[in-house]
C-alpha atoms as a PDB file:
ATOM      1  CA  MET A   1     222.116  56.241 -22.208  1.00  0.00           C
ATOM      2  CA  THR A   2     223.259  53.208 -20.239  1.00  0.00           C
ATOM      3  CA  ASP A   3     225.959  50.904 -21.551  1.00  0.00           C
ATOM      4  CA  TYR A   4     223.329  48.168 -21.962  1.00  0.00           C
ATOM      5  CA  ASN A   5     221.196  50.373 -24.185  1.00  0.00           C
ATOM      6  CA  LYS A   6     224.175  51.467 -26.288  1.00  0.00           C
ATOM      7  CA  VAL A   7     225.230  47.875 -26.953  1.00  0.00           C
ATOM      8  CA  SER A   8     221.722  46.759 -27.941  1.00  0.00           C
ATOM      9  CA  VAL A   9     221.109  49.774 -30.171  1.00  0.00           C
ATOM     10  CA  THR A  10     224.539  49.395 -31.792  1.00  0.00           C
ATOM     11  CA  PHE A  11     223.788  45.747 -32.611  1.00  0.00           C
ATOM     12  CA  ALA A  12     220.462  46.737 -34.153  1.00  0.00           C
ATOM     13  CA  LYS A  13     222.142  49.450 -36.251  1.00  0.00           C
ATOM     14  CA  THR A  14     224.786  46.973 -37.400  1.00  0.00           C
ATOM     15  CA  ILE A  15     222.254  44.390 -38.598  1.00  0.00           C
ATOM     16  CA  PRO A  16     219.399  46.451 -40.071  1.00  0.00           C
ATOM     17  CA  ASP A  17     217.859  43.367 -41.726  1.00  0.00           C
ATOM     18  CA  GLY A  18     218.047  41.350 -38.479  1.00  0.00           C
ATOM     19  CA  ARG A  19     216.214  41.505 -35.171  1.00  0.00           C
ATOM     20  CA  VAL A  20     217.662  42.336 -31.752  1.00  0.00           C
ATOM     21  CA  THR A  21     216.009  41.401 -28.486  1.00  0.00           C
ATOM     22  CA  GLY A  22     217.246  43.056 -25.303  1.00  0.00           C
ATOM     23  CA  VAL A  23     216.393  41.450 -21.974  1.00  0.00           C
ATOM     24  CA  ASP A  24     216.548  42.901 -18.482  1.00  0.00           C
ATOM     25  CA  ILE A  25     215.313  41.474 -15.203  1.00  0.00           C
ATOM     26  CA  ASN A  26     214.221  44.944 -14.068  1.00  0.00           C
ATOM     27  CA  PRO A  27     211.016  45.979 -15.862  1.00  0.00           C
ATOM     28  CA  ASP A  28     211.709  49.638 -14.983  1.00  0.00           C
ATOM     29  CA  ILE A  29     214.666  49.598 -17.411  1.00  0.00           C
ATOM     30  CA  LEU A  30     212.564  48.603 -20.417  1.00  0.00           C
ATOM     31  CA  PRO A  31     210.768  51.927 -21.102  1.00  0.00           C
ATOM     32  CA  ARG A  32     214.115  53.748 -20.946  1.00  0.00           C
ATOM     33  CA  ALA A  33     215.689  51.212 -23.313  1.00  0.00           C
ATOM     34  CA  ARG A  34     212.783  51.586 -25.742  1.00  0.00           C
ATOM     35  CA  ALA A  35     213.119  55.377 -25.597  1.00  0.00           C
ATOM     36  CA  VAL A  36     216.838  55.159 -26.412  1.00  0.00           C
ATOM     37  CA  ALA A  37     216.113  52.947 -29.436  1.00  0.00           C
ATOM     38  CA  GLU A  38     213.326  55.276 -30.563  1.00  0.00           C
ATOM     39  CA  MET A  39     215.563  58.357 -30.254  1.00  0.00           C
ATOM     40  CA  ALA A  40     218.138  56.561 -32.414  1.00  0.00           C
ATOM     41  CA  GLY A  41     215.465  55.704 -34.998  1.00  0.00           C
ATOM     42  CA  ILE A  42     215.951  51.966 -34.497  1.00  0.00           C
ATOM     43  CA  LYS A  43     212.958  49.815 -35.448  1.00  0.00           C
ATOM     44  CA  ASN A  44     214.449  46.298 -35.506  1.00  0.00           C
ATOM     45  CA  ILE A  45     214.771  45.981 -31.742  1.00  0.00           C
ATOM     46  CA  GLU A  46     212.521  44.928 -28.917  1.00  0.00           C
ATOM     47  CA  PHE A  47     213.027  44.811 -25.171  1.00  0.00           C
ATOM     48  CA  GLN A  48     211.419  42.431 -22.726  1.00  0.00           C
ATOM     49  CA  GLN A  49     211.640  41.471 -19.101  1.00  0.00           C
ATOM     50  CA  GLY A  50     213.396  38.211 -18.315  1.00  0.00           C
ATOM     51  CA  ASP A  51     215.699  36.395 -15.935  1.00  0.00           C
ATOM     52  CA  VAL A  52     219.028  35.251 -17.393  1.00  0.00           C
ATOM     53  CA  TYR A  53     218.764  32.056 -15.342  1.00  0.00           C
ATOM     54  CA  LYS A  54     215.450  31.206 -17.064  1.00  0.00           C
ATOM     55  CA  LEU A  55     215.247  33.084 -20.361  1.00  0.00           C
ATOM     56  CA  PRO A  56     211.742  33.286 -21.860  1.00  0.00           C
ATOM     57  CA  PHE A  57     212.763  31.791 -25.209  1.00  0.00           C
ATOM     58  CA  ALA A  58     212.666  28.365 -26.813  1.00  0.00           C
ATOM     59  CA  ASP A  59     215.818  26.313 -27.271  1.00  0.00           C
ATOM     60  CA  GLU A  60     217.992  27.358 -30.226  1.00  0.00           C
ATOM     61  CA  THR A  61     216.177  30.663 -30.875  1.00  0.00           C
ATOM     62  CA  PHE A  62     219.075  33.063 -31.517  1.00  0.00           C
ATOM     63  CA  ASP A  63     222.043  33.270 -33.876  1.00  0.00           C
ATOM     64  CA  ILE A  64     223.981  35.378 -31.359  1.00  0.00           C
ATOM     65  CA  THR A  65     223.500  35.722 -27.614  1.00  0.00           C
ATOM     66  CA  PHE A  66     225.576  38.409 -25.935  1.00  0.00           C
ATOM     67  CA  CYS A  67     226.040  39.937 -22.516  1.00  0.00           C
ATOM     68  CA  HIS A  68     228.252  42.786 -21.398  1.00  0.00           C
ATOM     69  CA  GLN A  69     229.356  43.380 -17.795  1.00  0.00           C
ATOM     70  CA  MET A  70     226.495  41.237 -16.465  1.00  0.00           C
ATOM     71  CA  LEU A  71     227.982  37.920 -15.390  1.00  0.00           C
ATOM     72  CA  THR A  72     230.301  39.568 -12.893  1.00  0.00           C
ATOM     73  CA  HIS A  73     227.225  40.604 -10.873  1.00  0.00           C
ATOM     74  CA  LEU A  74     225.864  37.057 -10.510  1.00  0.00           C
ATOM     75  CA  LYS A  75     226.443  34.396  -7.866  1.00  0.00           C
ATOM     76  CA  ALA A  76     226.305  31.603 -10.497  1.00  0.00           C
ATOM     77  CA  PRO A  77     227.466  33.109 -13.812  1.00  0.00           C
ATOM     78  CA  TRP A  78     228.036  29.646 -15.306  1.00  0.00           C
ATOM     79  CA  ASP A  79     224.298  28.942 -14.936  1.00  0.00           C
ATOM     80  CA  ALA A  80     223.541  32.141 -16.857  1.00  0.00           C
ATOM     81  CA  LEU A  81     225.996  31.101 -19.585  1.00  0.00           C
ATOM     82  CA  ARG A  82     224.380  27.646 -19.711  1.00  0.00           C
ATOM     83  CA  GLU A  83     221.020  29.322 -20.301  1.00  0.00           C
ATOM     84  CA  MET A  84     222.523  31.574 -22.991  1.00  0.00           C
ATOM     85  CA  ILE A  85     223.917  28.459 -24.698  1.00  0.00           C
ATOM     86  CA  ARG A  86     220.465  26.833 -24.541  1.00  0.00           C
ATOM     87  CA  VAL A  87     218.749  29.670 -26.429  1.00  0.00           C
ATOM     88  CA  THR A  88     221.523  29.909 -29.067  1.00  0.00           C
ATOM     89  CA  LYS A  89     221.414  27.876 -32.286  1.00  0.00           C
ATOM     90  CA  PRO A  90     224.080  25.135 -32.569  1.00  0.00           C
ATOM     91  CA  SER A  91     225.855  27.131 -35.295  1.00  0.00           C
ATOM     92  CA  GLY A  92     225.449  30.371 -33.325  1.00  0.00           C
ATOM     93  CA  ILE A  93     227.679  32.416 -31.073  1.00  0.00           C
ATOM     94  CA  VAL A  94     227.507  33.028 -27.344  1.00  0.00           C
ATOM     95  CA  ALA A  95     229.625  36.049 -26.467  1.00  0.00           C
ATOM     96  CA  ALA A  96     230.386  37.600 -23.102  1.00  0.00           C
ATOM     97  CA  ARG A  97     232.509  40.588 -22.214  1.00  0.00           C
ATOM     98  CA  GLU A  98     233.446  41.042 -18.584  1.00  0.00           C
ATOM     99  CA  GLY A  99     235.795  43.400 -16.846  1.00  0.00           C
ATOM    100  CA  ASP A 100     238.292  42.556 -14.155  1.00  0.00           C
ATOM    101  CA  PHE A 101     237.785  45.368 -11.687  1.00  0.00           C
ATOM    102  CA  GLU A 102     240.573  44.266  -9.367  1.00  0.00           C
ATOM    103  CA  THR A 103     243.213  44.610 -12.092  1.00  0.00           C
ATOM    104  CA  GLU A 104     242.084  48.089 -13.086  1.00  0.00           C
ATOM    105  CA  CYS A 105     244.482  50.840 -12.274  1.00  0.00           C
ATOM    106  CA  VAL A 106     243.410  54.312 -11.274  1.00  0.00           C
ATOM    107  CA  TRP A 107     245.579  57.306 -12.014  1.00  0.00           C
ATOM    108  CA  PRO A 108     246.087  59.756 -10.537  1.00  0.00           C
ATOM    109  CA  GLU A 109     245.701  57.945  -7.249  1.00  0.00           C
ATOM    110  CA  ALA A 110     243.396  60.560  -5.777  1.00  0.00           C
ATOM    111  CA  PRO A 111     242.140  59.461  -2.331  1.00  0.00           C
ATOM    112  CA  GLY A 112     238.459  59.859  -3.252  1.00  0.00           C
ATOM    113  CA  LEU A 113     238.833  57.953  -6.505  1.00  0.00           C
ATOM    114  CA  LEU A 114     240.748  55.123  -4.805  1.00  0.00           C
ATOM    115  CA  LYS A 115     238.118  54.938  -2.062  1.00  0.00           C
ATOM    116  CA  PHE A 116     235.372  54.770  -4.704  1.00  0.00           C
ATOM    117  CA  HIS A 117     237.249  52.048  -6.601  1.00  0.00           C
ATOM    118  CA  ARG A 118     237.654  49.928  -3.438  1.00  0.00           C
ATOM    119  CA  PHE A 119     233.960  50.429  -2.602  1.00  0.00           C
ATOM    120  CA  VAL A 120     232.799  49.295  -6.051  1.00  0.00           C
ATOM    121  CA  SER A 121     235.125  46.278  -5.943  1.00  0.00           C
ATOM    122  CA  SER A 122     233.835  45.178  -2.525  1.00  0.00           C
ATOM    123  CA  MET A 123     230.236  45.733  -3.627  1.00  0.00           C
ATOM    124  CA  MET A 124     230.793  43.578  -6.712  1.00  0.00           C
ATOM    125  CA  ASN A 125     232.401  40.838  -4.621  1.00  0.00           C
ATOM    126  CA  SER A 126     229.461  40.842  -2.187  1.00  0.00           C
ATOM    127  CA  LYS A 127     227.022  39.760  -4.914  1.00  0.00           C
ATOM    128  CA  GLY A 128     229.243  38.351  -7.638  1.00  0.00           C
ATOM    129  CA  SER A 129     232.877  38.705  -8.599  1.00  0.00           C
ATOM    130  CA  ALA A 130     235.034  41.749  -9.285  1.00  0.00           C
ATOM    131  CA  THR A 131     237.410  39.418 -11.176  1.00  0.00           C
ATOM    132  CA  GLY A 132     234.968  38.213 -13.827  1.00  0.00           C
ATOM    133  CA  GLY A 133     237.269  38.928 -16.745  1.00  0.00           C
ATOM    134  CA  ARG A 134     239.882  36.410 -15.636  1.00  0.00           C
ATOM    135  CA  GLN A 135     237.235  33.822 -14.683  1.00  0.00           C
ATOM    136  CA  LEU A 136     235.237  33.933 -17.905  1.00  0.00           C
ATOM    137  CA  LEU A 137     236.917  30.912 -19.507  1.00  0.00           C
ATOM    138  CA  SER A 138     236.377  28.722 -16.426  1.00  0.00           C
ATOM    139  CA  TRP A 139     232.747  29.876 -16.202  1.00  0.00           C
ATOM    140  CA  ALA A 140     232.157  28.937 -19.854  1.00  0.00           C
ATOM    141  CA  LEU A 141     233.678  25.494 -19.317  1.00  0.00           C
ATOM    142  CA  LYS A 142     231.557  24.977 -16.183  1.00  0.00           C
ATOM    143  CA  ALA A 143     228.503  25.966 -18.262  1.00  0.00           C
ATOM    144  CA  GLY A 144     229.246  23.086 -20.637  1.00  0.00           C
ATOM    145  CA  ALA A 145     231.024  24.830 -23.512  1.00  0.00           C
ATOM    146  CA  GLU A 146     233.782  22.816 -25.179  1.00  0.00           C
ATOM    147  CA  ARG A 147     237.257  24.372 -24.918  1.00  0.00           C
ATOM    148  CA  ASN A 148     237.837  24.125 -28.680  1.00  0.00           C
ATOM    149  CA  GLN A 149     234.706  26.234 -29.225  1.00  0.00           C
ATOM    150  CA  ILE A 150     235.875  29.089 -27.004  1.00  0.00           C
ATOM    151  CA  THR A 151     237.853  32.101 -28.178  1.00  0.00           C
ATOM    152  CA  VAL A 152     239.392  34.214 -25.439  1.00  0.00           C
ATOM    153  CA  GLY A 153     240.588  37.784 -25.825  1.00  0.00           C
ATOM    154  CA  HIS A 154     241.207  40.915 -23.848  1.00  0.00           C
ATOM    155  CA  SER A 155     241.289  44.643 -24.341  1.00  0.00           C
ATOM    156  CA  THR A 156     242.241  47.793 -22.524  1.00  0.00           C
ATOM    157  CA  TRP A 157     240.193  50.915 -22.031  1.00  0.00           C
ATOM    158  CA  SER A 158     241.788  54.189 -21.135  1.00  0.00           C
ATOM    159  CA  TYR A 159     239.909  57.320 -20.140  1.00  0.00           C
ATOM    160  CA  THR A 160     242.347  60.182 -20.521  1.00  0.00           C
ATOM    161  CA  THR A 161     240.495  63.176 -21.923  1.00  0.00           C
ATOM    162  CA  ARG A 162     237.978  65.232 -19.955  1.00  0.00           C
ATOM    163  CA  SER A 163     235.242  64.107 -22.355  1.00  0.00           C
ATOM    164  CA  GLU A 164     236.104  60.408 -21.859  1.00  0.00           C
ATOM    165  CA  MET A 165     236.245  60.860 -18.081  1.00  0.00           C
ATOM    166  CA  ARG A 166     232.821  62.551 -18.101  1.00  0.00           C
ATOM    167  CA  ILE A 167     231.341  59.682 -20.136  1.00  0.00           C
ATOM    168  CA  TRP A 168     232.809  57.069 -17.761  1.00  0.00           C
ATOM    169  CA  GLY A 169     231.680  59.025 -14.724  1.00  0.00           C
ATOM    170  CA  LYS A 170     228.080  59.147 -15.973  1.00  0.00           C
ATOM    171  CA  PHE A 171     227.865  55.356 -15.665  1.00  0.00           C
ATOM    172  CA  PHE A 172     227.967  55.778 -11.891  1.00  0.00           C
ATOM    173  CA  VAL A 173     225.348  58.519 -11.623  1.00  0.00           C
ATOM    174  CA  MET A 174     221.781  57.434 -11.045  1.00  0.00           C
END
């Protein structure tokens, strides 16, 4: 199950009387996302193809609009946030969670793992930004959000057990 699918399915489980709409630009992802929701017994979710720069929804459609580890892959993440703001009701919430790959630490510093980390960072920088986490506030302001409407936070993830390392490693296997 991809991270995207887990987040969408978790939202749907959390709000059983609500509706969740997952969007992906790649139509090949959608059948897999639907299968994940079906396996979890989730009925209040739908998935559709769409471009975050031009979402296929009317203004002020959603109570909550959320993305996870997506903006960091875009050349103009502030334009994506602007579009997310457009489809969110005035009393709603736009939420984004982005990592900061260049501040991640890898331990033990195994040569192969360090090489992989540098490769992923350079790949992210070639199409977007490996430092999205630290830029998120400035992106939101550039998108037109008011500073007094923005809450900023951070967290730390640590993968220390073999099970956690296996789960993290599966994100990079196609």
